[in-house]
PDB file of all heavy atoms in Angstrom:
ATOM      1  N   GLY A   1     -16.363-106.385 -89.362  1.00  0.00           N
ATOM      2  CA  GLY A   1     -16.312-105.253 -88.438  1.00  0.00           C
ATOM      3  C   GLY A   1     -17.100-104.068 -88.972  1.00  0.00           C
ATOM      4  O   GLY A   1     -17.848-103.410 -88.238  1.00  0.00           O
ATOM      5  N   PHE A   2     -16.958-103.790 -90.273  1.00  0.00           N
ATOM      6  CA  PHE A   2     -17.753-102.724 -90.899  1.00  0.00           C
ATOM      7  C   PHE A   2     -19.248-103.014 -90.782  1.00  0.00           C
ATOM      8  O   PHE A   2     -20.054-102.108 -90.548  1.00  0.00           O
ATOM      9  CB  PHE A   2     -17.379-102.577 -92.379  1.00  0.00           C
ATOM     10  CG  PHE A   2     -16.047-101.934 -92.613  1.00  0.00           C
ATOM     11  CD1 PHE A   2     -15.274-102.264 -93.714  1.00  0.00           C
ATOM     12  CD2 PHE A   2     -15.547-100.985 -91.735  1.00  0.00           C
ATOM     13  CE1 PHE A   2     -14.044-101.665 -93.939  1.00  0.00           C
ATOM     14  CE2 PHE A   2     -14.322-100.382 -91.946  1.00  0.00           C
ATOM     15  CZ  PHE A   2     -13.565-100.731 -93.040  1.00  0.00           C
ATOM     16  N   PHE A   3     -19.625-104.283 -90.949  1.00  0.00           N
ATOM     17  CA  PHE A   3     -21.044-104.639 -90.863  1.00  0.00           C
ATOM     18  C   PHE A   3     -21.605-104.321 -89.481  1.00  0.00           C
ATOM     19  O   PHE A   3     -22.651-103.663 -89.355  1.00  0.00           O
ATOM     20  CB  PHE A   3     -21.236-106.125 -91.173  1.00  0.00           C
ATOM     21  CG  PHE A   3     -22.588-106.657 -90.800  1.00  0.00           C
ATOM     22  CD1 PHE A   3     -23.694-106.334 -91.563  1.00  0.00           C
ATOM     23  CD2 PHE A   3     -22.747-107.461 -89.686  1.00  0.00           C
ATOM     24  CE1 PHE A   3     -24.962-106.813 -91.216  1.00  0.00           C
ATOM     25  CE2 PHE A   3     -24.002-107.944 -89.338  1.00  0.00           C
ATOM     26  CZ  PHE A   3     -25.109-107.621 -90.101  1.00  0.00           C
ATOM     27  N   PHE A   4     -20.937-104.774 -88.441  1.00  0.00           N
ATOM     28  CA  PHE A   4     -21.451-104.530 -87.090  1.00  0.00           C
ATOM     29  C   PHE A   4     -21.447-103.046 -86.750  1.00  0.00           C
ATOM     30  O   PHE A   4     -22.350-102.556 -86.071  1.00  0.00           O
ATOM     31  CB  PHE A   4     -20.628-105.316 -86.067  1.00  0.00           C
ATOM     32  CG  PHE A   4     -20.873-106.794 -86.096  1.00  0.00           C
ATOM     33  CD1 PHE A   4     -19.852-107.679 -86.401  1.00  0.00           C
ATOM     34  CD2 PHE A   4     -22.130-107.306 -85.844  1.00  0.00           C
ATOM     35  CE1 PHE A   4     -20.078-109.035 -86.447  1.00  0.00           C
ATOM     36  CE2 PHE A   4     -22.369-108.673 -85.892  1.00  0.00           C
ATOM     37  CZ  PHE A   4     -21.344-109.537 -86.182  1.00  0.00           C
ATOM     38  N   MET A   5     -20.454-102.308 -87.232  1.00  0.00           N
ATOM     39  CA  MET A   5     -20.440-100.873 -86.988  1.00  0.00           C
ATOM     40  C   MET A   5     -21.579-100.182 -87.728  1.00  0.00           C
ATOM     41  O   MET A   5     -22.183 -99.231 -87.213  1.00  0.00           O
ATOM     42  CB  MET A   5     -19.090-100.285 -87.398  1.00  0.00           C
ATOM     43  CG  MET A   5     -17.952-100.697 -86.470  1.00  0.00           C
ATOM     44  SD  MET A   5     -16.337-100.069 -86.978  1.00  0.00           S
ATOM     45  CE  MET A   5     -16.552 -98.329 -86.695  1.00  0.00           C
ATOM     46  N   SER A   6     -21.907-100.660 -88.941  1.00  0.00           N
ATOM     47  CA  SER A   6     -23.027-100.063 -89.671  1.00  0.00           C
ATOM     48  C   SER A   6     -24.342-100.335 -88.948  1.00  0.00           C
ATOM     49  O   SER A   6     -25.251 -99.499 -88.946  1.00  0.00           O
ATOM     50  CB  SER A   6     -23.083-100.607 -91.099  1.00  0.00           C
ATOM     51  OG  SER A   6     -23.502-101.953 -91.121  1.00  0.00           O
ATOM     52  N   VAL A   7     -24.460-101.514 -88.329  1.00  0.00           N
ATOM     53  CA  VAL A   7     -25.648-101.795 -87.517  1.00  0.00           C
ATOM     54  C   VAL A   7     -25.708-100.836 -86.334  1.00  0.00           C
ATOM     55  O   VAL A   7     -26.767-100.282 -86.008  1.00  0.00           O
ATOM     56  CB  VAL A   7     -25.636-103.258 -87.032  1.00  0.00           C
ATOM     57  CG1 VAL A   7     -26.774-103.504 -86.040  1.00  0.00           C
ATOM     58  CG2 VAL A   7     -25.741-104.211 -88.204  1.00  0.00           C
ATOM     59  N   GLY A   8     -24.554-100.625 -85.687  1.00  0.00           N
ATOM     60  CA  GLY A   8     -24.506 -99.699 -84.561  1.00  0.00           C
ATOM     61  C   GLY A   8     -24.874 -98.282 -84.947  1.00  0.00           C
ATOM     62  O   GLY A   8     -25.460 -97.534 -84.147  1.00  0.00           O
ATOM     63  N   MET A   9     -24.561 -97.884 -86.183  1.00  0.00           N
ATOM     64  CA  MET A   9     -24.882 -96.536 -86.635  1.00  0.00           C
ATOM     65  C   MET A   9     -26.380 -96.291 -86.716  1.00  0.00           C
ATOM     66  O   MET A   9     -26.834 -95.146 -86.728  1.00  0.00           O
ATOM     67  CB  MET A   9     -24.220 -96.268 -87.994  1.00  0.00           C
ATOM     68  CG  MET A   9     -22.705 -96.160 -87.922  1.00  0.00           C
ATOM     69  SD  MET A   9     -21.908 -96.111 -89.560  1.00  0.00           S
ATOM     70  CE  MET A   9     -22.542 -94.565 -90.201  1.00  0.00           C
ATOM     71  N   HIS A  10     -27.173 -97.356 -86.786  1.00  0.00           N
ATOM     72  CA  HIS A  10     -28.631 -97.219 -86.822  1.00  0.00           C
ATOM     73  C   HIS A  10     -29.236 -97.149 -85.422  1.00  0.00           C
ATOM     74  O   HIS A  10     -30.445 -96.902 -85.291  1.00  0.00           O
ATOM     75  CB  HIS A  10     -29.262 -98.388 -87.582  1.00  0.00           C
ATOM     76  CG  HIS A  10     -28.992 -98.380 -89.053  1.00  0.00           C
ATOM     77  ND1 HIS A  10     -27.841 -98.897 -89.603  1.00  0.00           N
ATOM     78  CD2 HIS A  10     -29.707 -97.899 -90.098  1.00  0.00           C
ATOM     79  CE1 HIS A  10     -27.878 -98.747 -90.924  1.00  0.00           C
ATOM     80  NE2 HIS A  10     -28.999 -98.149 -91.244  1.00  0.00           N
ATOM     81  N   LEU A  11     -28.453 -97.420 -84.393  1.00  0.00           N
ATOM     82  CA  LEU A  11     -28.996 -97.464 -83.032  1.00  0.00           C
ATOM     83  C   LEU A  11     -29.151 -96.058 -82.470  1.00  0.00           C
ATOM     84  O   LEU A  11     -28.215 -95.266 -82.493  1.00  0.00           O
ATOM     85  CB  LEU A  11     -28.073 -98.286 -82.124  1.00  0.00           C
ATOM     86  CG  LEU A  11     -27.882 -99.761 -82.488  1.00  0.00           C
ATOM     87  CD1 LEU A  11     -26.923-100.417 -81.507  1.00  0.00           C
ATOM     88  CD2 LEU A  11     -29.210-100.494 -82.495  1.00  0.00           C
ATOM     89  N   ASP A  12     -30.331 -95.773 -81.960  1.00  0.00           N
ATOM     90  CA  ASP A  12     -30.595 -94.509 -81.273  1.00  0.00           C
ATOM     91  C   ASP A  12     -30.568 -94.813 -79.771  1.00  0.00           C
ATOM     92  O   ASP A  12     -31.574 -95.251 -79.191  1.00  0.00           O
ATOM     93  CB  ASP A  12     -31.951 -93.948 -81.703  1.00  0.00           C
ATOM     94  CG  ASP A  12     -32.190 -92.543 -81.170  1.00  0.00           C
ATOM     95  OD1 ASP A  12     -31.514 -92.155 -80.196  1.00  0.00           O
ATOM     96  OD2 ASP A  12     -33.053 -91.834 -81.720  1.00  0.00           O
ATOM     97  N   ILE A  13     -29.425 -94.609 -79.155  1.00  0.00           N
ATOM     98  CA  ILE A  13     -29.243 -94.977 -77.759  1.00  0.00           C
ATOM     99  C   ILE A  13     -30.217 -94.218 -76.863  1.00  0.00           C
ATOM    100  O   ILE A  13     -30.778 -94.778 -75.903  1.00  0.00           O
ATOM    101  CB  ILE A  13     -27.791 -94.717 -77.315  1.00  0.00           C
ATOM    102  CG1 ILE A  13     -26.815 -95.512 -78.196  1.00  0.00           C
ATOM    103  CG2 ILE A  13     -27.601 -95.104 -75.855  1.00  0.00           C
ATOM    104  CD1 ILE A  13     -26.987 -96.993 -78.123  1.00  0.00           C
ATOM    105  N   ALA A  14     -30.435 -92.930 -77.148  1.00  0.00           N
ATOM    106  CA  ALA A  14     -31.341 -92.132 -76.315  1.00  0.00           C
ATOM    107  C   ALA A  14     -32.762 -92.687 -76.352  1.00  0.00           C
ATOM    108  O   ALA A  14     -33.424 -92.816 -75.313  1.00  0.00           O
ATOM    109  CB  ALA A  14     -31.311 -90.676 -76.778  1.00  0.00           C
ATOM    110  N   ALA A  15     -33.233 -93.019 -77.558  1.00  0.00           N
ATOM    111  CA  ALA A  15     -34.581 -93.578 -77.667  1.00  0.00           C
ATOM    112  C   ALA A  15     -34.666 -94.949 -77.000  1.00  0.00           C
ATOM    113  O   ALA A  15     -35.676 -95.282 -76.359  1.00  0.00           O
ATOM    114  CB  ALA A  15     -34.976 -93.683 -79.138  1.00  0.00           C
ATOM    115  N   MET A  16     -33.608 -95.746 -77.131  1.00  0.00           N
ATOM    116  CA  MET A  16     -33.599 -97.058 -76.492  1.00  0.00           C
ATOM    117  C   MET A  16     -33.601 -96.933 -74.979  1.00  0.00           C
ATOM    118  O   MET A  16     -34.232 -97.736 -74.283  1.00  0.00           O
ATOM    119  CB  MET A  16     -32.378 -97.858 -76.963  1.00  0.00           C
ATOM    120  CG  MET A  16     -32.415 -98.254 -78.430  1.00  0.00           C
ATOM    121  SD  MET A  16     -30.867 -99.010 -78.988  1.00  0.00           S
ATOM    122  CE  MET A  16     -30.843-100.473 -77.969  1.00  0.00           C
ATOM    123  N   ALA A  17     -32.911 -95.938 -74.458  1.00  0.00           N
ATOM    124  CA  ALA A  17     -32.882 -95.736 -73.008  1.00  0.00           C
ATOM    125  C   ALA A  17     -34.269 -95.400 -72.470  1.00  0.00           C
ATOM    126  O   ALA A  17     -34.643 -95.813 -71.363  1.00  0.00           O
ATOM    127  CB  ALA A  17     -31.897 -94.633 -72.653  1.00  0.00           C
ATOM    128  N   MET A  18     -35.055 -94.650 -73.244  1.00  0.00           N
ATOM    129  CA  MET A  18     -36.404 -94.283 -72.798  1.00  0.00           C
ATOM    130  C   MET A  18     -37.319 -95.500 -72.722  1.00  0.00           C
ATOM    131  O   MET A  18     -38.216 -95.571 -71.874  1.00  0.00           O
ATOM    132  CB  MET A  18     -36.998 -93.247 -73.746  1.00  0.00           C
ATOM    133  CG  MET A  18     -36.280 -91.903 -73.736  1.00  0.00           C
ATOM    134  SD  MET A  18     -36.964 -90.754 -74.957  1.00  0.00           S
ATOM    135  CE  MET A  18     -38.662 -90.632 -74.371  1.00  0.00           C
ATOM    136  N   ASP A  19     -37.102 -96.476 -73.610  1.00  0.00           N
ATOM    137  CA  ASP A  19     -37.936 -97.684 -73.641  1.00  0.00           C
ATOM    138  C   ASP A  19     -37.170 -98.910 -73.159  1.00  0.00           C
ATOM    139  O   ASP A  19     -37.491-100.040 -73.546  1.00  0.00           O
ATOM    140  CB  ASP A  19     -38.436 -97.936 -75.064  1.00  0.00           C
ATOM    141  CG  ASP A  19     -39.364 -96.839 -75.554  1.00  0.00           C
ATOM    142  OD1 ASP A  19     -40.139 -96.331 -74.728  1.00  0.00           O
ATOM    143  OD2 ASP A  19     -39.292 -96.485 -76.749  1.00  0.00           O
ATOM    144  N   ALA A  20     -36.155 -98.694 -72.317  1.00  0.00           N
ATOM    145  CA  ALA A  20     -35.297 -99.797 -71.882  1.00  0.00           C
ATOM    146  C   ALA A  20     -36.066-100.951 -71.234  1.00  0.00           C
ATOM    147  O   ALA A  20     -35.811-102.120 -71.560  1.00  0.00           O
ATOM    148  CB  ALA A  20     -34.216 -99.275 -70.936  1.00  0.00           C
ATOM    149  N   PRO A  21     -37.020-100.705 -70.320  1.00  0.00           N
ATOM    150  CA  PRO A  21     -37.738-101.839 -69.711  1.00  0.00           C
ATOM    151  C   PRO A  21     -38.462-102.704 -70.747  1.00  0.00           C
ATOM    152  O   PRO A  21     -38.386-103.937 -70.689  1.00  0.00           O
ATOM    153  CB  PRO A  21     -38.729-101.150 -68.754  1.00  0.00           C
ATOM    154  CG  PRO A  21     -38.095 -99.842 -68.439  1.00  0.00           C
ATOM    155  CD  PRO A  21     -37.414 -99.423 -69.703  1.00  0.00           C
ATOM    156  N   ALA A  22     -39.146-102.065 -71.710  1.00  0.00           N
ATOM    157  CA  ALA A  22     -39.873-102.835 -72.719  1.00  0.00           C
ATOM    158  C   ALA A  22     -38.903-103.608 -73.609  1.00  0.00           C
ATOM    159  O   ALA A  22     -39.156-104.772 -73.951  1.00  0.00           O
ATOM    160  CB  ALA A  22     -40.735-101.892 -73.571  1.00  0.00           C
ATOM    161  N   ILE A  23     -37.790-102.969 -73.987  1.00  0.00           N
ATOM    162  CA  ILE A  23     -36.811-103.643 -74.841  1.00  0.00           C
ATOM    163  C   ILE A  23     -36.217-104.843 -74.134  1.00  0.00           C
ATOM    164  O   ILE A  23     -36.089-105.939 -74.711  1.00  0.00           O
ATOM    165  CB  ILE A  23     -35.711-102.637 -75.265  1.00  0.00           C
ATOM    166  CG1 ILE A  23     -36.299-101.576 -76.202  1.00  0.00           C
ATOM    167  CG2 ILE A  23     -34.563-103.373 -75.958  1.00  0.00           C
ATOM    168  CD1 ILE A  23     -35.342-100.466 -76.536  1.00  0.00           C
ATOM    169  N   LEU A  24     -35.850-104.687 -72.862  1.00  0.00           N
ATOM    170  CA  LEU A  24     -35.278-105.801 -72.104  1.00  0.00           C
ATOM    171  C   LEU A  24     -36.284-106.923 -71.931  1.00  0.00           C
ATOM    172  O   LEU A  24     -35.937-108.107 -72.015  1.00  0.00           O
ATOM    173  CB  LEU A  24     -34.794-105.304 -70.739  1.00  0.00           C
ATOM    174  CG  LEU A  24     -33.586-104.354 -70.771  1.00  0.00           C
ATOM    175  CD1 LEU A  24     -33.303-103.812 -69.368  1.00  0.00           C
ATOM    176  CD2 LEU A  24     -32.358-105.064 -71.314  1.00  0.00           C
ATOM    177  N   PHE A  25     -37.560-106.567 -71.707  1.00  0.00           N
ATOM    178  CA  PHE A  25     -38.595-107.581 -71.545  1.00  0.00           C
ATOM    179  C   PHE A  25     -38.784-108.377 -72.828  1.00  0.00           C
ATOM    180  O   PHE A  25     -38.861-109.620 -72.817  1.00  0.00           O
ATOM    181  CB  PHE A  25     -39.907-106.909 -71.125  1.00  0.00           C
ATOM    182  CG  PHE A  25     -41.056-107.866 -70.997  1.00  0.00           C
ATOM    183  CD1 PHE A  25     -41.181-108.701 -69.885  1.00  0.00           C
ATOM    184  CD2 PHE A  25     -42.018-107.945 -71.994  1.00  0.00           C
ATOM    185  CE1 PHE A  25     -42.233-109.581 -69.770  1.00  0.00           C
ATOM    186  CE2 PHE A  25     -43.083-108.838 -71.898  1.00  0.00           C
ATOM    187  CZ  PHE A  25     -43.192-109.659 -70.765  1.00  0.00           C
ATOM    188  N   ILE A  26     -38.860-107.678 -73.977  1.00  0.00           N
ATOM    189  CA  ILE A  26     -39.039-108.351 -75.264  1.00  0.00           C
ATOM    190  C   ILE A  26     -37.833-109.211 -75.595  1.00  0.00           C
ATOM    191  O   ILE A  26     -37.961-110.348 -76.071  1.00  0.00           O
ATOM    192  CB  ILE A  26     -39.305-107.313 -76.371  1.00  0.00           C
ATOM    193  CG1 ILE A  26     -40.641-106.618 -76.126  1.00  0.00           C
ATOM    194  CG2 ILE A  26     -39.282-107.971 -77.756  1.00  0.00           C
ATOM    195  CD1 ILE A  26     -40.893-105.448 -77.053  1.00  0.00           C
ATOM    196  N   ALA A  27     -36.615-108.672 -75.342  1.00  0.00           N
ATOM    197  CA  ALA A  27     -35.401-109.452 -75.618  1.00  0.00           C
ATOM    198  C   ALA A  27     -35.361-110.730 -74.768  1.00  0.00           C
ATOM    199  O   ALA A  27     -35.020-111.795 -75.266  1.00  0.00           O
ATOM    200  CB  ALA A  27     -34.165-108.597 -75.353  1.00  0.00           C
TER     201      ALA A  27
END
């Protein structure tokens, strides 16, 4: 649980939202 939360701490949700189409396409 600590591991996944530490991964989440690196996520910049605002930046991901700006590039959401590209991220979804690559995923």
